[in-house]
PDB file of all heavy atoms in Angstrom:
ATOM      1  N   LYS A   1       4.520  12.534 -12.033  1.00  0.00           N
ATOM      2  CA  LYS A   1       3.697  11.650 -11.211  1.00  0.00           C
ATOM      3  C   LYS A   1       4.572  10.677 -10.423  1.00  0.00           C
ATOM      4  O   LYS A   1       4.312  10.396  -9.252  1.00  0.00           O
ATOM      5  CB  LYS A   1       2.702  10.880 -12.091  1.00  0.00           C
ATOM      6  CG  LYS A   1       1.697  11.783 -12.786  1.00  0.00           C
ATOM      7  CD  LYS A   1       0.996  12.700 -11.810  1.00  0.00           C
ATOM      8  CE  LYS A   1       0.114  13.703 -12.503  1.00  0.00           C
ATOM      9  NZ  LYS A   1      -0.477  14.681 -11.562  1.00  0.00           N
ATOM     10  N   PHE A   2       5.612  10.156 -11.072  1.00  0.00           N
ATOM     11  CA  PHE A   2       6.538   9.269 -10.373  1.00  0.00           C
ATOM     12  C   PHE A   2       7.242  10.018  -9.247  1.00  0.00           C
ATOM     13  O   PHE A   2       7.383   9.509  -8.130  1.00  0.00           O
ATOM     14  CB  PHE A   2       7.569   8.722 -11.357  1.00  0.00           C
ATOM     15  CG  PHE A   2       8.729   8.037 -10.683  1.00  0.00           C
ATOM     16  CD1 PHE A   2       8.582   6.763 -10.164  1.00  0.00           C
ATOM     17  CD2 PHE A   2       9.951   8.679 -10.556  1.00  0.00           C
ATOM     18  CE1 PHE A   2       9.650   6.137  -9.524  1.00  0.00           C
ATOM     19  CE2 PHE A   2      11.013   8.061  -9.921  1.00  0.00           C
ATOM     20  CZ  PHE A   2      10.851   6.784  -9.401  1.00  0.00           C
ATOM     21  N   GLU A   3       7.643  11.237  -9.530  1.00  0.00           N
ATOM     22  CA  GLU A   3       8.369  12.024  -8.535  1.00  0.00           C
ATOM     23  C   GLU A   3       7.495  12.335  -7.336  1.00  0.00           C
ATOM     24  O   GLU A   3       7.947  12.297  -6.187  1.00  0.00           O
ATOM     25  CB  GLU A   3       8.862  13.316  -9.188  1.00  0.00           C
ATOM     26  CG  GLU A   3       9.639  14.242  -8.268  1.00  0.00           C
ATOM     27  CD  GLU A   3      10.049  15.518  -8.973  1.00  0.00           C
ATOM     28  OE1 GLU A   3      10.967  15.455  -9.814  1.00  0.00           O
ATOM     29  OE2 GLU A   3       9.420  16.567  -8.706  1.00  0.00           O
ATOM     30  N   ARG A   4       6.235  12.633  -7.580  1.00  0.00           N
ATOM     31  CA  ARG A   4       5.352  13.025  -6.486  1.00  0.00           C
ATOM     32  C   ARG A   4       4.887  11.851  -5.648  1.00  0.00           C
ATOM     33  O   ARG A   4       4.795  11.952  -4.421  1.00  0.00           O
ATOM     34  CB  ARG A   4       4.134  13.758  -7.043  1.00  0.00           C
ATOM     35  CG  ARG A   4       4.450  15.116  -7.593  1.00  0.00           C
ATOM     36  CD  ARG A   4       3.183  15.780  -8.064  1.00  0.00           C
ATOM     37  NE  ARG A   4       3.501  17.054  -8.698  1.00  0.00           N
ATOM     38  CZ  ARG A   4       2.621  17.803  -9.315  1.00  0.00           C
ATOM     39  NH1 ARG A   4       1.372  17.407  -9.382  1.00  0.00           N
ATOM     40  NH2 ARG A   4       2.963  18.948  -9.857  1.00  0.00           N
ATOM     41  N   LEU A   5       4.539  10.739  -6.309  1.00  0.00           N
ATOM     42  CA  LEU A   5       3.956   9.627  -5.584  1.00  0.00           C
ATOM     43  C   LEU A   5       4.939   8.500  -5.320  1.00  0.00           C
ATOM     44  O   LEU A   5       4.850   7.824  -4.295  1.00  0.00           O
ATOM     45  CB  LEU A   5       2.749   9.073  -6.360  1.00  0.00           C
ATOM     46  CG  LEU A   5       1.502   9.947  -6.378  1.00  0.00           C
ATOM     47  CD1 LEU A   5       0.406   9.281  -7.179  1.00  0.00           C
ATOM     48  CD2 LEU A   5       1.015  10.229  -4.964  1.00  0.00           C
ATOM     49  N   GLY A   6       5.879   8.252  -6.238  1.00  0.00           N
ATOM     50  CA  GLY A   6       6.754   7.100  -6.132  1.00  0.00           C
ATOM     51  C   GLY A   6       7.592   7.095  -4.879  1.00  0.00           C
ATOM     52  O   GLY A   6       7.544   6.150  -4.066  1.00  0.00           O
ATOM     53  N   ILE A   7       8.371   8.146  -4.667  1.00  0.00           N
ATOM     54  CA  ILE A   7       9.258   8.213  -3.499  1.00  0.00           C
ATOM     55  C   ILE A   7       8.448   8.210  -2.210  1.00  0.00           C
ATOM     56  O   ILE A   7       8.785   7.520  -1.249  1.00  0.00           O
ATOM     57  CB  ILE A   7      10.154   9.463  -3.582  1.00  0.00           C
ATOM     58  CG1 ILE A   7      11.085   9.357  -4.785  1.00  0.00           C
ATOM     59  CG2 ILE A   7      10.945   9.646  -2.297  1.00  0.00           C
ATOM     60  CD1 ILE A   7      11.894  10.601  -5.055  1.00  0.00           C
ATOM     61  N   ARG A   8       7.369   8.939  -2.210  1.00  0.00           N
ATOM     62  CA  ARG A   8       6.507   8.999  -1.029  1.00  0.00           C
ATOM     63  C   ARG A   8       5.930   7.610  -0.711  1.00  0.00           C
ATOM     64  O   ARG A   8       5.927   7.172   0.448  1.00  0.00           O
ATOM     65  CB  ARG A   8       5.379   9.993  -1.316  1.00  0.00           C
ATOM     66  CG  ARG A   8       4.499  10.351  -0.135  1.00  0.00           C
ATOM     67  CD  ARG A   8       3.518  11.413  -0.578  1.00  0.00           C
ATOM     68  NE  ARG A   8       2.599  11.787   0.474  1.00  0.00           N
ATOM     69  CZ  ARG A   8       1.558  12.579   0.279  1.00  0.00           C
ATOM     70  NH1 ARG A   8       1.320  13.075  -0.923  1.00  0.00           N
ATOM     71  NH2 ARG A   8       0.748  12.891   1.278  1.00  0.00           N
ATOM     72  N   TYR A   9       5.465   6.925  -1.724  1.00  0.00           N
ATOM     73  CA  TYR A   9       4.889   5.596  -1.552  1.00  0.00           C
ATOM     74  C   TYR A   9       5.928   4.613  -1.022  1.00  0.00           C
ATOM     75  O   TYR A   9       5.659   3.831  -0.098  1.00  0.00           O
ATOM     76  CB  TYR A   9       4.336   5.130  -2.903  1.00  0.00           C
ATOM     77  CG  TYR A   9       3.837   3.711  -2.938  1.00  0.00           C
ATOM     78  CD1 TYR A   9       2.614   3.372  -2.352  1.00  0.00           C
ATOM     79  CD2 TYR A   9       4.563   2.712  -3.576  1.00  0.00           C
ATOM     80  CE1 TYR A   9       2.136   2.066  -2.398  1.00  0.00           C
ATOM     81  CE2 TYR A   9       4.097   1.415  -3.625  1.00  0.00           C
ATOM     82  CZ  TYR A   9       2.887   1.097  -3.036  1.00  0.00           C
ATOM     83  OH  TYR A   9       2.425  -0.192  -3.091  1.00  0.00           O
ATOM     84  N   TRP A  10       7.138   4.640  -1.583  1.00  0.00           N
ATOM     85  CA  TRP A  10       8.188   3.717  -1.137  1.00  0.00           C
ATOM     86  C   TRP A  10       8.576   3.957   0.313  1.00  0.00           C
ATOM     87  O   TRP A  10       8.826   3.013   1.054  1.00  0.00           O
ATOM     88  CB  TRP A  10       9.418   3.850  -2.039  1.00  0.00           C
ATOM     89  CG  TRP A  10       9.215   3.288  -3.402  1.00  0.00           C
ATOM     90  CD1 TRP A  10       8.330   2.308  -3.754  1.00  0.00           C
ATOM     91  CD2 TRP A  10       9.890   3.670  -4.590  1.00  0.00           C
ATOM     92  NE1 TRP A  10       8.412   2.054  -5.099  1.00  0.00           N
ATOM     93  CE2 TRP A  10       9.361   2.869  -5.638  1.00  0.00           C
ATOM     94  CE3 TRP A  10      10.882   4.597  -4.884  1.00  0.00           C
ATOM     95  CZ2 TRP A  10       9.805   2.979  -6.951  1.00  0.00           C
ATOM     96  CZ3 TRP A  10      11.328   4.703  -6.195  1.00  0.00           C
ATOM     97  CH2 TRP A  10      10.794   3.903  -7.211  1.00  0.00           C
ATOM     98  N   MET A  11       8.606   5.209   0.717  1.00  0.00           N
ATOM     99  CA  MET A  11       8.983   5.503   2.097  1.00  0.00           C
ATOM    100  C   MET A  11       7.905   5.045   3.067  1.00  0.00           C
ATOM    101  O   MET A  11       8.205   4.565   4.168  1.00  0.00           O
ATOM    102  CB  MET A  11       9.270   6.994   2.252  1.00  0.00           C
ATOM    103  CG  MET A  11      10.478   7.450   1.446  1.00  0.00           C
ATOM    104  SD  MET A  11      10.972   9.145   1.795  1.00  0.00           S
ATOM    105  CE  MET A  11      11.644   8.964   3.440  1.00  0.00           C
ATOM    106  N   ILE A  12       6.638   5.154   2.677  1.00  0.00           N
ATOM    107  CA  ILE A  12       5.557   4.668   3.537  1.00  0.00           C
ATOM    108  C   ILE A  12       5.633   3.150   3.660  1.00  0.00           C
ATOM    109  O   ILE A  12       5.497   2.589   4.752  1.00  0.00           O
ATOM    110  CB  ILE A  12       4.187   5.099   2.980  1.00  0.00           C
ATOM    111  CG1 ILE A  12       4.059   6.622   2.980  1.00  0.00           C
ATOM    112  CG2 ILE A  12       3.066   4.494   3.816  1.00  0.00           C
ATOM    113  CD1 ILE A  12       2.834   7.136   2.258  1.00  0.00           C
ATOM    114  N   LEU A  13       5.851   2.463   2.531  1.00  0.00           N
ATOM    115  CA  LEU A  13       5.951   1.005   2.579  1.00  0.00           C
ATOM    116  C   LEU A  13       7.187   0.546   3.348  1.00  0.00           C
ATOM    117  O   LEU A  13       7.168  -0.515   3.993  1.00  0.00           O
ATOM    118  CB  LEU A  13       5.963   0.426   1.166  1.00  0.00           C
ATOM    119  CG  LEU A  13       4.648  -0.270   0.761  1.00  0.00           C
ATOM    120  CD1 LEU A  13       3.500   0.739   0.780  1.00  0.00           C
ATOM    121  CD2 LEU A  13       4.745  -0.935  -0.587  1.00  0.00           C
ATOM    122  N   THR A  14       8.261   1.322   3.314  1.00  0.00           N
ATOM    123  CA  THR A  14       9.433   1.001   4.126  1.00  0.00           C
ATOM    124  C   THR A  14       9.083   1.075   5.602  1.00  0.00           C
ATOM    125  O   THR A  14       9.472   0.196   6.394  1.00  0.00           O
ATOM    126  CB  THR A  14      10.586   1.972   3.810  1.00  0.00           C
ATOM    127  OG1 THR A  14      10.948   1.838   2.426  1.00  0.00           O
ATOM    128  CG2 THR A  14      11.796   1.690   4.676  1.00  0.00           C
ATOM    129  N   PHE A  15       8.345   2.104   5.994  1.00  0.00           N
ATOM    130  CA  PHE A  15       7.881   2.209   7.386  1.00  0.00           C
ATOM    131  C   PHE A  15       7.043   1.000   7.757  1.00  0.00           C
ATOM    132  O   PHE A  15       7.220   0.404   8.834  1.00  0.00           O
ATOM    133  CB  PHE A  15       7.075   3.497   7.572  1.00  0.00           C
ATOM    134  CG  PHE A  15       6.263   3.517   8.841  1.00  0.00           C
ATOM    135  CD1 PHE A  15       6.846   3.832  10.056  1.00  0.00           C
ATOM    136  CD2 PHE A  15       4.903   3.208   8.813  1.00  0.00           C
ATOM    137  CE1 PHE A  15       6.097   3.834  11.228  1.00  0.00           C
ATOM    138  CE2 PHE A  15       4.155   3.211   9.975  1.00  0.00           C
ATOM    139  CZ  PHE A  15       4.747   3.522  11.185  1.00  0.00           C
ATOM    140  N   LEU A  16       6.105   0.610   6.881  1.00  0.00           N
ATOM    141  CA  LEU A  16       5.245  -0.536   7.176  1.00  0.00           C
ATOM    142  C   LEU A  16       6.060  -1.827   7.270  1.00  0.00           C
ATOM    143  O   LEU A  16       5.774  -2.695   8.101  1.00  0.00           O
ATOM    144  CB  LEU A  16       4.167  -0.679   6.099  1.00  0.00           C
ATOM    145  CG  LEU A  16       3.047   0.366   6.112  1.00  0.00           C
ATOM    146  CD1 LEU A  16       2.083   0.133   4.954  1.00  0.00           C
ATOM    147  CD2 LEU A  16       2.295   0.353   7.440  1.00  0.00           C
ATOM    148  N   SER A  17       7.078  -1.948   6.422  1.00  0.00           N
ATOM    149  CA  SER A  17       7.926  -3.145   6.467  1.00  0.00           C
ATOM    150  C   SER A  17       8.647  -3.255   7.800  1.00  0.00           C
ATOM    151  O   SER A  17       8.734  -4.341   8.398  1.00  0.00           O
ATOM    152  CB  SER A  17       8.938  -3.112   5.316  1.00  0.00           C
ATOM    153  OG  SER A  17       8.290  -3.129   4.058  1.00  0.00           O
ATOM    154  N   ILE A  18       9.159  -2.127   8.281  1.00  0.00           N
ATOM    155  CA  ILE A  18       9.833  -2.115   9.584  1.00  0.00           C
ATOM    156  C   ILE A  18       8.848  -2.469  10.693  1.00  0.00           C
ATOM    157  O   ILE A  18       9.158  -3.244  11.603  1.00  0.00           O
ATOM    158  CB  ILE A  18      10.471  -0.733   9.841  1.00  0.00           C
ATOM    159  CG1 ILE A  18      11.585  -0.466   8.812  1.00  0.00           C
ATOM    160  CG2 ILE A  18      11.015  -0.642  11.264  1.00  0.00           C
ATOM    161  CD1 ILE A  18      12.124   0.944   8.850  1.00  0.00           C
ATOM    162  N   LEU A  19       7.632  -1.923  10.600  1.00  0.00           N
ATOM    163  CA  LEU A  19       6.596  -2.223  11.590  1.00  0.00           C
ATOM    164  C   LEU A  19       6.265  -3.715  11.601  1.00  0.00           C
ATOM    165  O   LEU A  19       6.168  -4.335  12.664  1.00  0.00           O
ATOM    166  CB  LEU A  19       5.343  -1.405  11.289  1.00  0.00           C
ATOM    167  CG  LEU A  19       4.125  -1.643  12.183  1.00  0.00           C
ATOM    168  CD1 LEU A  19       4.421  -1.215  13.614  1.00  0.00           C
ATOM    169  CD2 LEU A  19       2.906  -0.890  11.646  1.00  0.00           C
ATOM    170  N   LEU A  20       6.118  -4.296  10.423  1.00  0.00           N
ATOM    171  CA  LEU A  20       5.778  -5.716  10.324  1.00  0.00           C
ATOM    172  C   LEU A  20       6.916  -6.601  10.808  1.00  0.00           C
ATOM    173  O   LEU A  20       6.687  -7.638  11.451  1.00  0.00           O
ATOM    174  CB  LEU A  20       5.410  -6.052   8.872  1.00  0.00           C
ATOM    175  CG  LEU A  20       4.100  -5.430   8.376  1.00  0.00           C
ATOM    176  CD1 LEU A  20       3.971  -5.570   6.866  1.00  0.00           C
ATOM    177  CD2 LEU A  20       2.900  -6.069   9.066  1.00  0.00           C
ATOM    178  N   LEU A  21       8.149  -6.213  10.500  1.00  0.00           N
ATOM    179  CA  LEU A  21       9.302  -6.962  10.997  1.00  0.00           C
ATOM    180  C   LEU A  21       9.359  -6.923  12.523  1.00  0.00           C
ATOM    181  O   LEU A  21       9.694  -7.920  13.174  1.00  0.00           O
ATOM    182  CB  LEU A  21      10.587  -6.403  10.400  1.00  0.00           C
ATOM    183  CG  LEU A  21      10.844  -6.718   8.922  1.00  0.00           C
ATOM    184  CD1 LEU A  21      12.039  -5.910   8.396  1.00  0.00           C
ATOM    185  CD2 LEU A  21      11.086  -8.217   8.723  1.00  0.00           C
ATOM    186  N   ALA A  22       9.019  -5.767  13.094  1.00  0.00           N
ATOM    187  CA  ALA A  22       9.002  -5.640  14.552  1.00  0.00           C
ATOM    188  C   ALA A  22       7.931  -6.530  15.178  1.00  0.00           C
ATOM    189  O   ALA A  22       8.061  -6.961  16.331  1.00  0.00           O
ATOM    190  CB  ALA A  22       8.762  -4.182  14.946  1.00  0.00           C
ATOM    191  N   GLU A  23       6.882  -6.817  14.405  1.00  0.00           N
ATOM    192  CA  GLU A  23       5.822  -7.709  14.883  1.00  0.00           C
ATOM    193  C   GLU A  23       6.158  -9.174  14.661  1.00  0.00           C
ATOM    194  O   GLU A  23       5.349 -10.058  14.980  1.00  0.00           O
ATOM    195  CB  GLU A  23       4.507  -7.372  14.167  1.00  0.00           C
ATOM    196  CG  GLU A  23       3.960  -5.998  14.500  1.00  0.00           C
ATOM    197  CD  GLU A  23       2.719  -5.670  13.678  1.00  0.00           C
ATOM    198  OE1 GLU A  23       2.352  -6.473  12.792  1.00  0.00           O
ATOM    199  OE2 GLU A  23       2.102  -4.608  13.928  1.00  0.00           O
ATOM    200  N   GLY A  24       7.336  -9.427  14.073  1.00  0.00           N
ATOM    201  CA  GLY A  24       7.756 -10.806  13.847  1.00  0.00           C
ATOM    202  C   GLY A  24       7.317 -11.386  12.522  1.00  0.00           C
ATOM    203  O   GLY A  24       7.411 -12.605  12.314  1.00  0.00           O
ATOM    204  N   LYS A  25       6.840 -10.557  11.621  1.00  0.00           N
ATOM    205  CA  LYS A  25       6.396 -11.033  10.311  1.00  0.00           C
ATOM    206  C   LYS A  25       7.501 -10.814   9.275  1.00  0.00           C
ATOM    207  O   LYS A  25       8.219  -9.820   9.337  1.00  0.00           O
ATOM    208  CB  LYS A  25       5.127 -10.299   9.882  1.00  0.00           C
ATOM    209  CG  LYS A  25       3.957 -10.512  10.839  1.00  0.00           C
ATOM    210  CD  LYS A  25       2.745  -9.706  10.424  1.00  0.00           C
ATOM    211  CE  LYS A  25       1.597  -9.902  11.409  1.00  0.00           C
ATOM    212  NZ  LYS A  25       0.404  -9.089  11.049  1.00  0.00           N
ATOM    213  N   SER A  26       7.590 -11.708   8.329  1.00  0.00           N
ATOM    214  CA  SER A  26       8.627 -11.611   7.297  1.00  0.00           C
ATOM    215  C   SER A  26       8.065 -10.966   6.043  1.00  0.00           C
ATOM    216  O   SER A  26       6.998 -11.356   5.554  1.00  0.00           O
ATOM    217  CB  SER A  26       9.173 -12.996   6.951  1.00  0.00           C
ATOM    218  OG  SER A  26      10.091 -12.908   5.866  1.00  0.00           O
ATOM    219  N   VAL A  27       8.789  -9.984   5.536  1.00  0.00           N
ATOM    220  CA  VAL A  27       8.376  -9.316   4.299  1.00  0.00           C
ATOM    221  C   VAL A  27       9.295  -9.677   3.137  1.00  0.00           C
ATOM    222  O   VAL A  27       9.186  -9.103   2.052  1.00  0.00           O
ATOM    223  CB  VAL A  27       8.372  -7.781   4.487  1.00  0.00           C
ATOM    224  CG1 VAL A  27       7.350  -7.365   5.520  1.00  0.00           C
ATOM    225  CG2 VAL A  27       9.766  -7.272   4.854  1.00  0.00           C
ATOM    226  N   PHE A  28      10.166 -10.664   3.360  1.00  0.00           N
ATOM    227  CA  PHE A  28      11.175 -10.997   2.354  1.00  0.00           C
ATOM    228  C   PHE A  28      10.662 -12.106   1.421  1.00  0.00           C
ATOM    229  O   PHE A  28      11.005 -13.280   1.560  1.00  0.00           O
ATOM    230  CB  PHE A  28      12.486 -11.419   3.024  1.00  0.00           C
ATOM    231  CG  PHE A  28      13.082 -10.352   3.887  1.00  0.00           C
ATOM    232  CD1 PHE A  28      13.044 -10.460   5.269  1.00  0.00           C
ATOM    233  CD2 PHE A  28      13.657  -9.219   3.316  1.00  0.00           C
ATOM    234  CE1 PHE A  28      13.587  -9.460   6.071  1.00  0.00           C
ATOM    235  CE2 PHE A  28      14.196  -8.227   4.109  1.00  0.00           C
ATOM    236  CZ  PHE A  28      14.162  -8.341   5.489  1.00  0.00           C
ATOM    237  N   ASN A  29       9.800 -11.717   0.498  1.00  0.00           N
ATOM    238  CA  ASN A  29       9.377 -12.617  -0.566  1.00  0.00           C
ATOM    239  C   ASN A  29       9.018 -11.770  -1.786  1.00  0.00           C
ATOM    240  O   ASN A  29       8.897 -10.551  -1.697  1.00  0.00           O
ATOM    241  CB  ASN A  29       8.210 -13.518  -0.131  1.00  0.00           C
ATOM    242  CG  ASN A  29       6.969 -12.731   0.245  1.00  0.00           C
ATOM    243  OD1 ASN A  29       6.366 -12.065  -0.588  1.00  0.00           O
ATOM    244  ND2 ASN A  29       6.592 -12.799   1.528  1.00  0.00           N
ATOM    245  N   TRP A  30       8.843 -12.422  -2.920  1.00  0.00           N
ATOM    246  CA  TRP A  30       8.684 -11.673  -4.174  1.00  0.00           C
ATOM    247  C   TRP A  30       7.382 -10.898  -4.233  1.00  0.00           C
ATOM    248  O   TRP A  30       7.277  -9.907  -4.963  1.00  0.00           O
ATOM    249  CB  TRP A  30       8.825 -12.604  -5.369  1.00  0.00           C
ATOM    250  CG  TRP A  30       7.671 -13.538  -5.609  1.00  0.00           C
ATOM    251  CD1 TRP A  30       7.476 -14.759  -5.065  1.00  0.00           C
ATOM    252  CD2 TRP A  30       6.560 -13.305  -6.482  1.00  0.00           C
ATOM    253  NE1 TRP A  30       6.311 -15.327  -5.529  1.00  0.00           N
ATOM    254  CE2 TRP A  30       5.728 -14.451  -6.414  1.00  0.00           C
ATOM    255  CE3 TRP A  30       6.183 -12.252  -7.318  1.00  0.00           C
ATOM    256  CZ2 TRP A  30       4.547 -14.572  -7.140  1.00  0.00           C
ATOM    257  CZ3 TRP A  30       5.009 -12.376  -8.050  1.00  0.00           C
ATOM    258  CH2 TRP A  30       4.206 -13.518  -7.948  1.00  0.00           C
ATOM    259  N   HIS A  31       6.387 -11.276  -3.461  1.00  0.00           N
ATOM    260  CA  HIS A  31       5.145 -10.508  -3.450  1.00  0.00           C
ATOM    261  C   HIS A  31       5.357  -9.124  -2.823  1.00  0.00           C
ATOM    262  O   HIS A  31       4.690  -8.159  -3.200  1.00  0.00           O
ATOM    263  CB  HIS A  31       4.062 -11.268  -2.684  1.00  0.00           C
ATOM    264  CG  HIS A  31       3.414 -12.334  -3.509  1.00  0.00           C
ATOM    265  ND1 HIS A  31       2.354 -13.097  -3.067  1.00  0.00           N
ATOM    266  CD2 HIS A  31       3.664 -12.755  -4.772  1.00  0.00           C
ATOM    267  CE1 HIS A  31       1.983 -13.944  -4.006  1.00  0.00           C
ATOM    268  NE2 HIS A  31       2.772 -13.764  -5.041  1.00  0.00           N
ATOM    269  N   SER A  32       6.289  -9.038  -1.869  1.00  0.00           N
ATOM    270  CA  SER A  32       6.608  -7.721  -1.309  1.00  0.00           C
ATOM    271  C   SER A  32       7.181  -6.805  -2.386  1.00  0.00           C
ATOM    272  O   SER A  32       6.904  -5.606  -2.416  1.00  0.00           O
ATOM    273  CB  SER A  32       7.608  -7.864  -0.153  1.00  0.00           C
ATOM    274  OG  SER A  32       7.026  -8.535   0.943  1.00  0.00           O
ATOM    275  N   LEU A  33       7.991  -7.374  -3.283  1.00  0.00           N
ATOM    276  CA  LEU A  33       8.520  -6.593  -4.400  1.00  0.00           C
ATOM    277  C   LEU A  33       7.394  -6.100  -5.286  1.00  0.00           C
ATOM    278  O   LEU A  33       7.410  -4.946  -5.757  1.00  0.00           O
ATOM    279  CB  LEU A  33       9.505  -7.443  -5.206  1.00  0.00           C
ATOM    280  CG  LEU A  33      10.109  -6.785  -6.466  1.00  0.00           C
ATOM    281  CD1 LEU A  33      10.888  -5.525  -6.097  1.00  0.00           C
ATOM    282  CD2 LEU A  33      10.990  -7.767  -7.210  1.00  0.00           C
ATOM    283  N   VAL A  34       6.401  -6.948  -5.521  1.00  0.00           N
ATOM    284  CA  VAL A  34       5.231  -6.540  -6.310  1.00  0.00           C
ATOM    285  C   VAL A  34       4.559  -5.340  -5.666  1.00  0.00           C
ATOM    286  O   VAL A  34       4.176  -4.376  -6.351  1.00  0.00           O
ATOM    287  CB  VAL A  34       4.231  -7.716  -6.441  1.00  0.00           C
ATOM    288  CG1 VAL A  34       2.916  -7.240  -7.073  1.00  0.00           C
ATOM    289  CG2 VAL A  34       4.829  -8.838  -7.273  1.00  0.00           C
ATOM    290  N   HIS A  35       4.418  -5.359  -4.360  1.00  0.00           N
ATOM    291  CA  HIS A  35       3.761  -4.251  -3.663  1.00  0.00           C
ATOM    292  C   HIS A  35       4.612  -2.979  -3.729  1.00  0.00           C
ATOM    293  O   HIS A  35       4.070  -1.878  -3.898  1.00  0.00           O
ATOM    294  CB  HIS A  35       3.495  -4.642  -2.211  1.00  0.00           C
ATOM    295  CG  HIS A  35       2.614  -5.841  -2.064  1.00  0.00           C
ATOM    296  ND1 HIS A  35       1.430  -5.990  -2.760  1.00  0.00           N
ATOM    297  CD2 HIS A  35       2.754  -6.975  -1.320  1.00  0.00           C
ATOM    298  CE1 HIS A  35       0.866  -7.139  -2.438  1.00  0.00           C
ATOM    299  NE2 HIS A  35       1.658  -7.760  -1.568  1.00  0.00           N
ATOM    300  N   PHE A  36       5.924  -3.114  -3.597  1.00  0.00           N
ATOM    301  CA  PHE A  36       6.794  -1.936  -3.684  1.00  0.00           C
ATOM    302  C   PHE A  36       6.760  -1.328  -5.085  1.00  0.00           C
ATOM    303  O   PHE A  36       6.992  -0.130  -5.238  1.00  0.00           O
ATOM    304  CB  PHE A  36       8.231  -2.304  -3.297  1.00  0.00           C
ATOM    305  CG  PHE A  36       8.550  -2.057  -1.854  1.00  0.00           C
ATOM    306  CD1 PHE A  36       8.288  -3.029  -0.895  1.00  0.00           C
ATOM    307  CD2 PHE A  36       9.074  -0.846  -1.439  1.00  0.00           C
ATOM    308  CE1 PHE A  36       8.565  -2.805   0.447  1.00  0.00           C
ATOM    309  CE2 PHE A  36       9.356  -0.608  -0.106  1.00  0.00           C
ATOM    310  CZ  PHE A  36       9.104  -1.584   0.848  1.00  0.00           C
ATOM    311  N   LEU A  37       6.463  -2.133  -6.080  1.00  0.00           N
ATOM    312  CA  LEU A  37       6.327  -1.616  -7.449  1.00  0.00           C
ATOM    313  C   LEU A  37       4.950  -1.008  -7.697  1.00  0.00           C
ATOM    314  O   LEU A  37       4.678  -0.509  -8.787  1.00  0.00           O
ATOM    315  CB  LEU A  37       6.585  -2.742  -8.461  1.00  0.00           C
ATOM    316  CG  LEU A  37       8.020  -3.275  -8.525  1.00  0.00           C
ATOM    317  CD1 LEU A  37       8.096  -4.463  -9.473  1.00  0.00           C
ATOM    318  CD2 LEU A  37       8.984  -2.172  -8.965  1.00  0.00           C
ATOM    319  N   GLY A  38       4.094  -1.054  -6.694  1.00  0.00           N
ATOM    320  CA  GLY A  38       2.756  -0.476  -6.834  1.00  0.00           C
ATOM    321  C   GLY A  38       1.795  -1.362  -7.590  1.00  0.00           C
ATOM    322  O   GLY A  38       0.747  -0.884  -8.047  1.00  0.00           O
TER     323      GLY A  38
END
């Protein structure tokens, strides 16, 4: 389950982080880590 969903989920959230940074929003706080941990 980790193999199927974990890597896929992290890569999607990485894309969203880049998108949000491009919009001028900061994702650098501990709540972002909570979200990356699912």
